[in-house]
Amino acid sequence: MIYTVTLNSSLDKTFDVEEFTYDEVNMILEEKRRAGGKGIDVSRVIRELGGQSTALGFMCGYNGLEVEGRLINEGVVCDFTRAQGETRTNIIIHQRKKKMETLLSASVTEVSQFEVTTMYHKITQIPKDSYVVLGGTMPPGLDDVFYAQIITGLKEKNVKVFLDADGETLKKGVQAGPYFIKPNIHEFGRLVEANLKDQDDVLQQVTPYLTLVDYLVVSMGARGALGVSRNEKFRVIPPRVEVKSSTGAGDALVAGMVFAFSEGASFKDALTLGVACGTASTLQAYPALCLKEDVHAVRKEIVTKSV
């Protein structure tokens, strides 16, 4: 079974306008609302691929109820922890004429220690031999070491933890020894405290981390991804596509890989499917939204080779 954890979920509202004009009334041409957050995006893609996962995380107030309701309608199984306050709102203003987007993000509600404990105990009850995806930033009230604590507890049950984080959260999480990490090239650069520009730079830095994790995947945008284990190293090169939005492509990549691993795929095949999902998601205007038929089409054009 696959579980995703989103500690900092959101209700995303996209407003389409022809062109945004300051100090004027701007007519909204179309409004769209959707659930947002790294783990939620992963659950959504897994569902599109024909798999199933359970989405965990904090849900607050009326926004939280709407987020949960929308996910249920999408076929995503939810087991959220209720918390005080209000789930944050992201407002995206899309200008059709200029093809520009502006993001307005509300502040995040602080979680109490009681709510943290409730969430932690729920996660530690995840059955053995499961797959768990931890991703995104921490809400106020949670220390950067929280993911590391989860990883340490779940490893005893042979739960394979996929960690997709940044900064101190990633540094502390890696030390706990997750099964898999997926930083992008900039996040990996911050982890190793070096300016990384290409595949060769990444390969020079990965060796120390292979004593801590089983699989390390560094995404590099349109250049694809580099996947490394103790015994294998692969470069995956996607086809050129017309990108509508690259937001959430990394989440789609993680979704494809955790789904593939849960189905018994090899590292090479899982990496190829992950990059196909990430690339397919850029064909859509919404973050981490990919269609199954696009994934299959892109996968046929991907080049995966040993390095």
C-alpha atoms as a PDB file:
ATOM      1  CA  MET A   1       0.000   0.000   0.000  1.00  0.00           C
ATOM      2  CA  ILE A   2       1.136   3.558  -0.744  1.00  0.00           C
ATOM      3  CA  TYR A   3       0.657   6.451   1.677  1.00  0.00           C
ATOM      4  CA  THR A   4       1.360  10.114   1.007  1.00  0.00           C
ATOM      5  CA  VAL A   5       1.894  12.729   3.699  1.00  0.00           C
ATOM      6  CA  THR A   6       1.114  16.406   3.079  1.00  0.00           C
ATOM      7  CA  LEU A   7       1.692  18.509   6.179  1.00  0.00           C
ATOM      8  CA  ASN A   8       1.184  21.816   4.376  1.00  0.00           C
ATOM      9  CA  SER A   9      -1.784  21.330   2.045  1.00  0.00           C
ATOM     10  CA  SER A  10      -3.628  24.127   0.251  1.00  0.00           C
ATOM     11  CA  LEU A  11      -6.784  25.074  -1.581  1.00  0.00           C
ATOM     12  CA  ASP A  12      -5.617  26.478  -4.906  1.00  0.00           C
ATOM     13  CA  LYS A  13      -7.854  28.979  -6.681  1.00  0.00           C
ATOM     14  CA  THR A  14      -6.958  29.982 -10.231  1.00  0.00           C
ATOM     15  CA  PHE A  15      -8.544  33.096 -11.705  1.00  0.00           C
ATOM     16  CA  ASP A  16      -8.292  33.641 -15.456  1.00  0.00           C
ATOM     17  CA  VAL A  17      -8.317  37.272 -16.623  1.00  0.00           C
ATOM     18  CA  GLU A  18      -7.632  38.653 -20.076  1.00  0.00           C
ATOM     19  CA  GLU A  19      -4.977  41.019 -18.733  1.00  0.00           C
ATOM     20  CA  PHE A  20      -4.358  42.286 -15.197  1.00  0.00           C
ATOM     21  CA  THR A  21      -4.615  46.055 -14.925  1.00  0.00           C
ATOM     22  CA  TYR A  22      -3.677  47.893 -11.727  1.00  0.00           C
ATOM     23  CA  ASP A  23      -6.165  50.315 -10.136  1.00  0.00           C
ATOM     24  CA  GLU A  24      -8.930  48.926 -12.345  1.00  0.00           C
ATOM     25  CA  VAL A  25     -11.720  46.372 -12.025  1.00  0.00           C
ATOM     26  CA  ASN A  26     -10.479  43.118 -13.562  1.00  0.00           C
ATOM     27  CA  MET A  27     -13.211  40.764 -14.731  1.00  0.00           C
ATOM     28  CA  ILE A  28     -12.666  37.086 -13.939  1.00  0.00           C
ATOM     29  CA  LEU A  29     -13.239  35.013 -17.073  1.00  0.00           C
ATOM     30  CA  GLU A  30     -12.966  31.636 -15.385  1.00  0.00           C
ATOM     31  CA  GLU A  31     -12.338  30.307 -11.861  1.00  0.00           C
ATOM     32  CA  LYS A  32     -10.955  26.877 -11.005  1.00  0.00           C
ATOM     33  CA  ARG A  33     -10.393  25.308  -7.554  1.00  0.00           C
ATOM     34  CA  ARG A  34      -8.317  22.285  -6.663  1.00  0.00           C
ATOM     35  CA  ALA A  35      -6.512  20.603  -3.775  1.00  0.00           C
ATOM     36  CA  GLY A  36      -2.790  21.327  -3.632  1.00  0.00           C
ATOM     37  CA  GLY A  37       0.337  20.067  -1.883  1.00  0.00           C
ATOM     38  CA  LYS A  38       3.223  17.709  -2.740  1.00  0.00           C
ATOM     39  CA  GLY A  39       1.806  14.511  -1.270  1.00  0.00           C
ATOM     40  CA  ILE A  40      -1.647  15.304  -2.617  1.00  0.00           C
ATOM     41  CA  ASP A  41      -0.167  15.757  -6.098  1.00  0.00           C
ATOM     42  CA  VAL A  42       1.546  12.372  -5.787  1.00  0.00           C
ATOM     43  CA  SER A  43      -1.728  10.685  -4.771  1.00  0.00           C
ATOM     44  CA  ARG A  44      -3.508  12.309  -7.715  1.00  0.00           C
ATOM     45  CA  VAL A  45      -0.959  11.000 -10.247  1.00  0.00           C
ATOM     46  CA  ILE A  46      -0.949   7.502  -8.711  1.00  0.00           C
ATOM     47  CA  ARG A  47      -4.719   7.452  -9.154  1.00  0.00           C
ATOM     48  CA  GLU A  48      -4.363   8.495 -12.808  1.00  0.00           C
ATOM     49  CA  LEU A  49      -1.914   5.630 -13.372  1.00  0.00           C
ATOM     50  CA  GLY A  50      -4.478   3.158 -12.074  1.00  0.00           C
ATOM     51  CA  GLY A  51      -3.040   2.758  -8.583  1.00  0.00           C
ATOM     52  CA  GLN A  52      -4.354   3.664  -5.165  1.00  0.00           C
ATOM     53  CA  SER A  53      -2.898   5.496  -2.197  1.00  0.00           C
ATOM     54  CA  THR A  54      -4.078   6.944   1.090  1.00  0.00           C
ATOM     55  CA  ALA A  55      -3.513  10.669   1.590  1.00  0.00           C
ATOM     56  CA  LEU A  56      -2.504  11.722   5.109  1.00  0.00           C
ATOM     57  CA  GLY A  57      -1.873  15.208   6.453  1.00  0.00           C
ATOM     58  CA  PHE A  58      -3.367  18.122   8.356  1.00  0.00           C
ATOM     59  CA  MET A  59      -6.729  19.569   7.311  1.00  0.00           C
ATOM     60  CA  CYS A  60      -8.063  22.760   8.854  1.00  0.00           C
ATOM     61  CA  GLY A  61     -11.370  24.629   8.741  1.00  0.00           C
ATOM     62  CA  TYR A  62     -13.750  25.001   5.811  1.00  0.00           C
ATOM     63  CA  ASN A  63     -10.930  25.093   3.262  1.00  0.00           C
ATOM     64  CA  GLY A  64      -9.737  21.750   4.574  1.00  0.00           C
ATOM     65  CA  LEU A  65     -13.194  20.249   4.159  1.00  0.00           C
ATOM     66  CA  GLU A  66     -13.302  21.449   0.563  1.00  0.00           C
ATOM     67  CA  VAL A  67      -9.829  20.036  -0.135  1.00  0.00           C
ATOM     68  CA  GLU A  68     -10.835  16.660   1.281  1.00  0.00           C
ATOM     69  CA  GLY A  69     -14.122  16.656  -0.600  1.00  0.00           C
ATOM     70  CA  ARG A  70     -12.419  17.414  -3.889  1.00  0.00           C
ATOM     71  CA  LEU A  71      -9.918  14.604  -3.373  1.00  0.00           C
ATOM     72  CA  ILE A  72     -12.666  12.128  -2.507  1.00  0.00           C
ATOM     73  CA  ASN A  73     -14.447  13.114  -5.721  1.00  0.00           C
ATOM     74  CA  GLU A  74     -11.213  12.418  -7.602  1.00  0.00           C
ATOM     75  CA  GLY A  75     -11.084   8.924  -6.148  1.00  0.00           C
ATOM     76  CA  VAL A  76      -8.279   9.558  -3.657  1.00  0.00           C
ATOM     77  CA  VAL A  77      -8.642   7.797  -0.291  1.00  0.00           C
ATOM     78  CA  CYS A  78      -8.206  10.327   2.547  1.00  0.00           C
ATOM     79  CA  ASP A  79      -7.319   9.891   6.210  1.00  0.00           C
ATOM     80  CA  PHE A  80      -6.498  13.433   7.306  1.00  0.00           C
ATOM     81  CA  THR A  81      -5.895  14.729  10.823  1.00  0.00           C
ATOM     82  CA  ARG A  82      -8.142  17.635  11.744  1.00  0.00           C
ATOM     83  CA  ALA A  83      -6.368  20.698  13.138  1.00  0.00           C
ATOM     84  CA  GLN A  84      -7.378  24.136  14.317  1.00  0.00           C
ATOM     85  CA  GLY A  85      -7.210  27.202  12.084  1.00  0.00           C
ATOM     86  CA  GLU A  86      -7.659  27.219   8.320  1.00  0.00           C
ATOM     87  CA  THR A  87      -5.965  25.374   5.459  1.00  0.00           C
ATOM     88  CA  ARG A  88      -4.011  27.943   3.453  1.00  0.00           C
ATOM     89  CA  THR A  89      -5.274  29.365   0.188  1.00  0.00           C
ATOM     90  CA  ASN A  90      -3.173  29.908  -2.910  1.00  0.00           C
ATOM     91  CA  ILE A  91      -4.544  32.388  -5.420  1.00  0.00           C
ATOM     92  CA  ILE A  92      -3.160  32.135  -8.945  1.00  0.00           C
ATOM     93  CA  ILE A  93      -3.934  34.966 -11.355  1.00  0.00           C
ATOM     94  CA  HIS A  94      -3.526  33.805 -14.941  1.00  0.00           C
ATOM     95  CA  GLN A  95      -3.317  36.469 -17.640  1.00  0.00           C
ATOM     96  CA  ARG A  96      -4.389  34.929 -20.925  1.00  0.00           C
ATOM     97  CA  LYS A  97      -3.092  37.728 -23.135  1.00  0.00           C
ATOM     98  CA  LYS A  98       0.418  37.808 -21.669  1.00  0.00           C
ATOM     99  CA  LYS A  99       0.477  34.098 -20.741  1.00  0.00           C
ATOM    100  CA  MET A 100       1.686  35.024 -17.267  1.00  0.00           C
ATOM    101  CA  GLU A 101       0.802  33.736 -13.814  1.00  0.00           C
ATOM    102  CA  THR A 102       1.081  35.427 -10.417  1.00  0.00           C
ATOM    103  CA  LEU A 103       0.843  33.408  -7.200  1.00  0.00           C
ATOM    104  CA  LEU A 104      -0.529  34.885  -3.978  1.00  0.00           C
ATOM    105  CA  SER A 105      -0.028  32.495  -1.066  1.00  0.00           C
ATOM    106  CA  ALA A 106      -1.699  32.964   2.325  1.00  0.00           C
ATOM    107  CA  SER A 107       0.123  32.303   5.593  1.00  0.00           C
ATOM    108  CA  VAL A 108       0.120  28.804   7.069  1.00  0.00           C
ATOM    109  CA  THR A 109      -1.677  27.940  10.303  1.00  0.00           C
ATOM    110  CA  GLU A 110       0.540  26.791  13.182  1.00  0.00           C
ATOM    111  CA  VAL A 111      -0.188  23.293  14.446  1.00  0.00           C
ATOM    112  CA  SER A 112      -0.332  22.471  18.145  1.00  0.00           C
ATOM    113  CA  GLN A 113       1.774  19.833  19.888  1.00  0.00           C
ATOM    114  CA  PHE A 114      -1.367  17.753  20.442  1.00  0.00           C
ATOM    115  CA  GLU A 115      -2.049  17.811  16.695  1.00  0.00           C
ATOM    116  CA  VAL A 116       1.583  16.928  15.947  1.00  0.00           C
ATOM    117  CA  THR A 117       1.387  13.929  18.286  1.00  0.00           C
ATOM    118  CA  THR A 118      -1.893  12.777  16.769  1.00  0.00           C
ATOM    119  CA  MET A 119      -0.420  12.935  13.273  1.00  0.00           C
ATOM    120  CA  TYR A 120       2.812  11.198  14.312  1.00  0.00           C
ATOM    121  CA  HIS A 121       0.977   8.272  15.920  1.00  0.00           C
ATOM    122  CA  LYS A 122      -1.245   7.873  12.859  1.00  0.00           C
ATOM    123  CA  ILE A 123       1.804   7.671  10.587  1.00  0.00           C
ATOM    124  CA  THR A 124       3.564   5.161  12.836  1.00  0.00           C
ATOM    125  CA  GLN A 125       0.536   2.861  12.489  1.00  0.00           C
ATOM    126  CA  ILE A 126       1.174   2.459   8.750  1.00  0.00           C
ATOM    127  CA  PRO A 127       1.435  -1.295   8.029  1.00  0.00           C
ATOM    128  CA  LYS A 128       4.802  -2.940   7.460  1.00  0.00           C
ATOM    129  CA  ASP A 129       6.183  -3.269   3.923  1.00  0.00           C
ATOM    130  CA  SER A 130       4.233  -0.201   2.758  1.00  0.00           C
ATOM    131  CA  TYR A 131       5.494   2.756   0.720  1.00  0.00           C
ATOM    132  CA  VAL A 132       5.327   6.268   2.188  1.00  0.00           C
ATOM    133  CA  VAL A 133       5.945   9.561   0.397  1.00  0.00           C
ATOM    134  CA  LEU A 134       6.995  12.522   2.563  1.00  0.00           C
ATOM    135  CA  GLY A 135       7.113  15.841   0.756  1.00  0.00           C
ATOM    136  CA  GLY A 136       6.921  19.565   1.126  1.00  0.00           C
ATOM    137  CA  THR A 137       7.600  22.170   3.766  1.00  0.00           C
ATOM    138  CA  MET A 138       6.716  22.078   7.449  1.00  0.00           C
ATOM    139  CA  PRO A 139       3.899  24.191   8.903  1.00  0.00           C
ATOM    140  CA  PRO A 140       4.750  26.390  11.910  1.00  0.00           C
ATOM    141  CA  GLY A 141       4.853  24.282  15.066  1.00  0.00           C
ATOM    142  CA  LEU A 142       6.817  21.444  13.455  1.00  0.00           C
ATOM    143  CA  ASP A 143      10.598  21.121  13.699  1.00  0.00           C
ATOM    144  CA  ASP A 144      12.734  20.293  10.646  1.00  0.00           C
ATOM    145  CA  VAL A 145      13.606  16.970  12.280  1.00  0.00           C
ATOM    146  CA  PHE A 146      10.001  15.680  12.028  1.00  0.00           C
ATOM    147  CA  TYR A 147      10.527  13.790   8.764  1.00  0.00           C
ATOM    148  CA  ALA A 148      13.686  12.219  10.176  1.00  0.00           C
ATOM    149  CA  GLN A 149      11.727  10.980  13.186  1.00  0.00           C
ATOM    150  CA  ILE A 150       9.108   9.436  10.910  1.00  0.00           C
ATOM    151  CA  ILE A 151      11.760   7.748   8.763  1.00  0.00           C
ATOM    152  CA  THR A 152      13.493   6.279  11.813  1.00  0.00           C
ATOM    153  CA  GLY A 153      10.240   4.867  13.176  1.00  0.00           C
ATOM    154  CA  LEU A 154       9.024   3.407   9.887  1.00  0.00           C
ATOM    155  CA  LYS A 155      12.320   1.753   8.909  1.00  0.00           C
ATOM    156  CA  GLU A 156      11.869  -0.727  11.751  1.00  0.00           C
ATOM    157  CA  LYS A 157       8.746  -1.985   9.926  1.00  0.00           C
ATOM    158  CA  ASN A 158      10.473  -2.218   6.533  1.00  0.00           C
ATOM    159  CA  VAL A 159       8.414   0.690   5.260  1.00  0.00           C
ATOM    160  CA  LYS A 160      10.087   2.257   2.228  1.00  0.00           C
ATOM    161  CA  VAL A 161      10.107   6.032   2.661  1.00  0.00           C
ATOM    162  CA  PHE A 162      10.370   8.368  -0.349  1.00  0.00           C
ATOM    163  CA  LEU A 163      11.578  11.803   0.755  1.00  0.00           C
ATOM    164  CA  ASP A 164      11.121  14.895  -1.414  1.00  0.00           C
ATOM    165  CA  ALA A 165      12.170  17.951   0.578  1.00  0.00           C
ATOM    166  CA  ASP A 166      14.649  20.830   0.649  1.00  0.00           C
ATOM    167  CA  GLY A 167      16.990  22.676   3.002  1.00  0.00           C
ATOM    168  CA  GLU A 168      17.390  21.558   6.607  1.00  0.00           C
ATOM    169  CA  THR A 169      14.419  19.215   6.319  1.00  0.00           C
ATOM    170  CA  LEU A 170      16.211  17.278   3.574  1.00  0.00           C
ATOM    171  CA  LYS A 171      19.581  17.341   5.360  1.00  0.00           C
ATOM    172  CA  LYS A 172      18.139  15.922   8.576  1.00  0.00           C
ATOM    173  CA  GLY A 173      15.871  13.503   6.743  1.00  0.00           C
ATOM    174  CA  VAL A 174      18.729  12.006   4.721  1.00  0.00           C
ATOM    175  CA  GLN A 175      20.676  11.256   7.882  1.00  0.00           C
ATOM    176  CA  ALA A 176      17.802   9.037   9.052  1.00  0.00           C
ATOM    177  CA  GLY A 177      18.315   6.837   5.976  1.00  0.00           C
ATOM    178  CA  PRO A 178      15.194   6.968   3.782  1.00  0.00           C
ATOM    179  CA  TYR A 179      14.743   4.469   0.962  1.00  0.00           C
ATOM    180  CA  PHE A 180      14.657   7.152  -1.743  1.00  0.00           C
ATOM    181  CA  ILE A 181      15.275  10.876  -2.156  1.00  0.00           C
ATOM    182  CA  LYS A 182      14.397  13.062  -5.131  1.00  0.00           C
ATOM    183  CA  PRO A 183      15.897  16.560  -4.967  1.00  0.00           C
ATOM    184  CA  ASN A 184      16.111  18.675  -8.086  1.00  0.00           C
ATOM    185  CA  ILE A 185      19.604  19.792  -9.086  1.00  0.00           C
ATOM    186  CA  HIS A 186      19.318  23.048  -7.109  1.00  0.00           C
ATOM    187  CA  GLU A 187      18.052  21.296  -3.970  1.00  0.00           C
ATOM    188  CA  PHE A 188      20.830  18.718  -4.235  1.00  0.00           C
ATOM    189  CA  GLY A 189      23.318  21.554  -4.604  1.00  0.00           C
ATOM    190  CA  ARG A 190      22.071  23.046  -1.345  1.00  0.00           C
ATOM    191  CA  LEU A 191      22.328  19.625   0.305  1.00  0.00           C
ATOM    192  CA  VAL A 192      25.983  19.166  -0.710  1.00  0.00           C
ATOM    193  CA  GLU A 193      26.731  22.909  -0.435  1.00  0.00           C
ATOM    194  CA  ALA A 194      28.063  23.181  -3.973  1.00  0.00           C
ATOM    195  CA  ASN A 195      27.098  24.901  -7.205  1.00  0.00           C
ATOM    196  CA  LEU A 196      25.965  22.084  -9.500  1.00  0.00           C
ATOM    197  CA  LYS A 197      25.427  22.696 -13.195  1.00  0.00           C
ATOM    198  CA  ASP A 198      25.220  19.324 -14.917  1.00  0.00           C
ATOM    199  CA  GLN A 199      25.293  15.542 -14.681  1.00  0.00           C
ATOM    200  CA  ASP A 200      29.040  15.333 -14.077  1.00  0.00           C
ATOM    201  CA  ASP A 201      28.800  17.743 -11.133  1.00  0.00           C
ATOM    202  CA  VAL A 202      26.047  15.613  -9.592  1.00  0.00           C
ATOM    203  CA  LEU A 203      27.939  12.351 -10.059  1.00  0.00           C
ATOM    204  CA  GLN A 204      30.938  13.774  -8.215  1.00  0.00           C
ATOM    205  CA  GLN A 205      28.753  14.387  -5.142  1.00  0.00           C
ATOM    206  CA  VAL A 206      26.488  11.327  -4.870  1.00  0.00           C
ATOM    207  CA  THR A 207      28.807   8.663  -3.439  1.00  0.00           C
ATOM    208  CA  PRO A 208      28.592   9.629   0.281  1.00  0.00           C
ATOM    209  CA  TYR A 209      24.784   9.496   0.168  1.00  0.00           C
ATOM    210  CA  LEU A 210      24.634   5.957  -1.189  1.00  0.00           C
ATOM    211  CA  THR A 211      25.589   4.703   2.265  1.00  0.00           C
ATOM    212  CA  LEU A 212      22.426   6.355   3.593  1.00  0.00           C
ATOM    213  CA  VAL A 213      19.789   5.831   0.883  1.00  0.00           C
ATOM    214  CA  ASP A 214      18.998   3.030  -1.547  1.00  0.00           C
ATOM    215  CA  TYR A 215      18.050   5.300  -4.442  1.00  0.00           C
ATOM    216  CA  LEU A 216      18.916   8.907  -5.229  1.00  0.00           C
ATOM    217  CA  VAL A 217      17.257  10.669  -8.158  1.00  0.00           C
ATOM    218  CA  VAL A 218      18.197  14.210  -9.167  1.00  0.00           C
ATOM    219  CA  SER A 219      15.764  15.873 -11.552  1.00  0.00           C
ATOM    220  CA  MET A 220      17.161  18.408 -14.014  1.00  0.00           C
ATOM    221  CA  GLY A 221      14.097  19.898 -15.697  1.00  0.00           C
ATOM    222  CA  ALA A 222      14.031  19.542 -19.490  1.00  0.00           C
ATOM    223  CA  ARG A 223      17.390  17.720 -19.304  1.00  0.00           C
ATOM    224  CA  GLY A 224      15.663  14.794 -17.597  1.00  0.00           C
ATOM    225  CA  ALA A 225      16.938  13.043 -14.497  1.00  0.00           C
ATOM    226  CA  LEU A 226      19.912  11.183 -13.108  1.00  0.00           C
ATOM    227  CA  GLY A 227      19.161   8.081 -11.035  1.00  0.00           C
ATOM    228  CA  VAL A 228      21.791   6.424  -8.858  1.00  0.00           C
ATOM    229  CA  SER A 229      21.843   3.366  -6.619  1.00  0.00           C
ATOM    230  CA  ARG A 230      24.743   1.424  -5.122  1.00  0.00           C
ATOM    231  CA  ASN A 231      24.930  -0.746  -8.241  1.00  0.00           C
ATOM    232  CA  GLU A 232      23.390   1.275 -11.078  1.00  0.00           C
ATOM    233  CA  LYS A 233      23.538   4.740 -12.596  1.00  0.00           C
ATOM    234  CA  PHE A 234      21.092   5.920 -15.251  1.00  0.00           C
ATOM    235  CA  ARG A 235      20.491   9.092 -17.232  1.00  0.00           C
ATOM    236  CA  VAL A 236      16.940   9.524 -18.479  1.00  0.00           C
ATOM    237  CA  ILE A 237      16.406  11.972 -21.338  1.00  0.00           C
ATOM    238  CA  PRO A 238      12.817  13.007 -22.130  1.00  0.00           C
ATOM    239  CA  PRO A 239      11.567  14.187 -25.517  1.00  0.00           C
ATOM    240  CA  ARG A 240      11.086  17.879 -26.224  1.00  0.00           C
ATOM    241  CA  VAL A 241       7.516  18.945 -25.502  1.00  0.00           C
ATOM    242  CA  GLU A 242       5.491  22.145 -25.451  1.00  0.00           C
ATOM    243  CA  VAL A 243       5.513  23.056 -21.771  1.00  0.00           C
ATOM    244  CA  LYS A 244       2.374  24.672 -20.336  1.00  0.00           C
ATOM    245  CA  SER A 245       3.428  24.418 -16.681  1.00  0.00           C
ATOM    246  CA  SER A 246       6.467  22.809 -15.062  1.00  0.00           C
ATOM    247  CA  THR A 247       5.102  23.259 -11.533  1.00  0.00           C
ATOM    248  CA  GLY A 248       4.656  19.898  -9.854  1.00  0.00           C
ATOM    249  CA  ALA A 249       6.638  17.940 -12.450  1.00  0.00           C
ATOM    250  CA  GLY A 250       8.899  16.631  -9.694  1.00  0.00           C
ATOM    251  CA  ASP A 251       5.860  15.428  -7.732  1.00  0.00           C
ATOM    252  CA  ALA A 252       4.621  13.561 -10.809  1.00  0.00           C
ATOM    253  CA  LEU A 253       8.074  11.974 -11.198  1.00  0.00           C
ATOM    254  CA  VAL A 254       7.985  10.721  -7.599  1.00  0.00           C
ATOM    255  CA  ALA A 255       4.440   9.404  -8.110  1.00  0.00           C
ATOM    256  CA  GLY A 256       5.462   7.411 -11.157  1.00  0.00           C
ATOM    257  CA  MET A 257       8.438   5.907  -9.371  1.00  0.00           C
ATOM    258  CA  VAL A 258       6.697   4.934  -6.142  1.00  0.00           C
ATOM    259  CA  PHE A 259       3.844   3.410  -8.165  1.00  0.00           C
ATOM    260  CA  ALA A 260       6.298   1.453 -10.328  1.00  0.00           C
ATOM    261  CA  PHE A 261       8.296   0.200  -7.337  1.00  0.00           C
ATOM    262  CA  SER A 262       5.079  -0.892  -5.597  1.00  0.00           C
ATOM    263  CA  GLU A 263       4.259  -2.923  -8.730  1.00  0.00           C
ATOM    264  CA  GLY A 264       7.637  -4.680  -8.596  1.00  0.00           C
ATOM    265  CA  ALA A 265       9.402  -2.705 -11.357  1.00  0.00           C
ATOM    266  CA  SER A 266      13.176  -2.461 -11.656  1.00  0.00           C
ATOM    267  CA  PHE A 267      14.981   0.777 -10.851  1.00  0.00           C
ATOM    268  CA  LYS A 268      15.499   1.472 -14.556  1.00  0.00           C
ATOM    269  CA  ASP A 269      11.830   0.952 -15.434  1.00  0.00           C
ATOM    270  CA  ALA A 270      10.637   2.933 -12.419  1.00  0.00           C
ATOM    271  CA  LEU A 271      12.929   5.829 -13.332  1.00  0.00           C
ATOM    272  CA  THR A 272      11.708   5.803 -16.925  1.00  0.00           C
ATOM    273  CA  LEU A 273       8.045   5.856 -15.843  1.00  0.00           C
ATOM    274  CA  GLY A 274       8.778   8.622 -13.347  1.00  0.00           C
ATOM    275  CA  VAL A 275      10.355  10.874 -15.969  1.00  0.00           C
ATOM    276  CA  ALA A 276       7.474  10.084 -18.340  1.00  0.00           C
ATOM    277  CA  CYS A 277       4.999  11.222 -15.678  1.00  0.00           C
ATOM    278  CA  GLY A 278       6.990  14.368 -14.921  1.00  0.00           C
ATOM    279  CA  THR A 279       7.245  15.264 -18.592  1.00  0.00           C
ATOM    280  CA  ALA A 280       3.581  14.467 -19.282  1.00  0.00           C
ATOM    281  CA  SER A 281       2.545  16.748 -16.422  1.00  0.00           C
ATOM    282  CA  THR A 282       4.174  19.736 -18.155  1.00  0.00           C
ATOM    283  CA  LEU A 283       1.686  19.331 -21.009  1.00  0.00           C
ATOM    284  CA  GLN A 284      -1.111  20.433 -18.661  1.00  0.00           C
ATOM    285  CA  ALA A 285      -1.745  23.872 -17.189  1.00  0.00           C
ATOM    286  CA  TYR A 286      -2.223  22.548 -13.644  1.00  0.00           C
ATOM    287  CA  PRO A 287       0.557  21.373 -11.300  1.00  0.00           C
ATOM    288  CA  ALA A 288       1.297  17.620 -11.309  1.00  0.00           C
ATOM    289  CA  LEU A 289      -1.685  16.854 -13.540  1.00  0.00           C
ATOM    290  CA  CYS A 290      -0.827  14.219 -16.111  1.00  0.00           C
ATOM    291  CA  LEU A 291      -3.038  12.073 -18.294  1.00  0.00           C
ATOM    292  CA  LYS A 292      -2.373   8.365 -18.622  1.00  0.00           C
ATOM    293  CA  GLU A 293      -2.386   8.485 -22.410  1.00  0.00           C
ATOM    294  CA  ASP A 294       0.210  11.298 -22.375  1.00  0.00           C
ATOM    295  CA  VAL A 295       2.411   9.274 -20.027  1.00  0.00           C
ATOM    296  CA  HIS A 296       2.351   6.283 -22.376  1.00  0.00           C
ATOM    297  CA  ALA A 297       3.073   8.462 -25.423  1.00  0.00           C
ATOM    298  CA  VAL A 298       5.999  10.249 -23.751  1.00  0.00           C
ATOM    299  CA  ARG A 299       7.420   7.004 -22.380  1.00  0.00           C
ATOM    300  CA  LYS A 300       7.874   5.631 -25.895  1.00  0.00           C
ATOM    301  CA  GLU A 301      10.186   8.538 -26.748  1.00  0.00           C
ATOM    302  CA  ILE A 302      12.305   8.521 -23.600  1.00  0.00           C
ATOM    303  CA  VAL A 303      15.943   7.465 -23.768  1.00  0.00           C
ATOM    304  CA  THR A 304      17.297   5.695 -20.672  1.00  0.00           C
ATOM    305  CA  LYS A 305      20.965   4.781 -20.641  1.00  0.00           C
ATOM    306  CA  SER A 306      23.620   3.727 -18.165  1.00  0.00           C
ATOM    307  CA  VAL A 307      26.279   6.286 -17.222  1.00  0.00           C
END
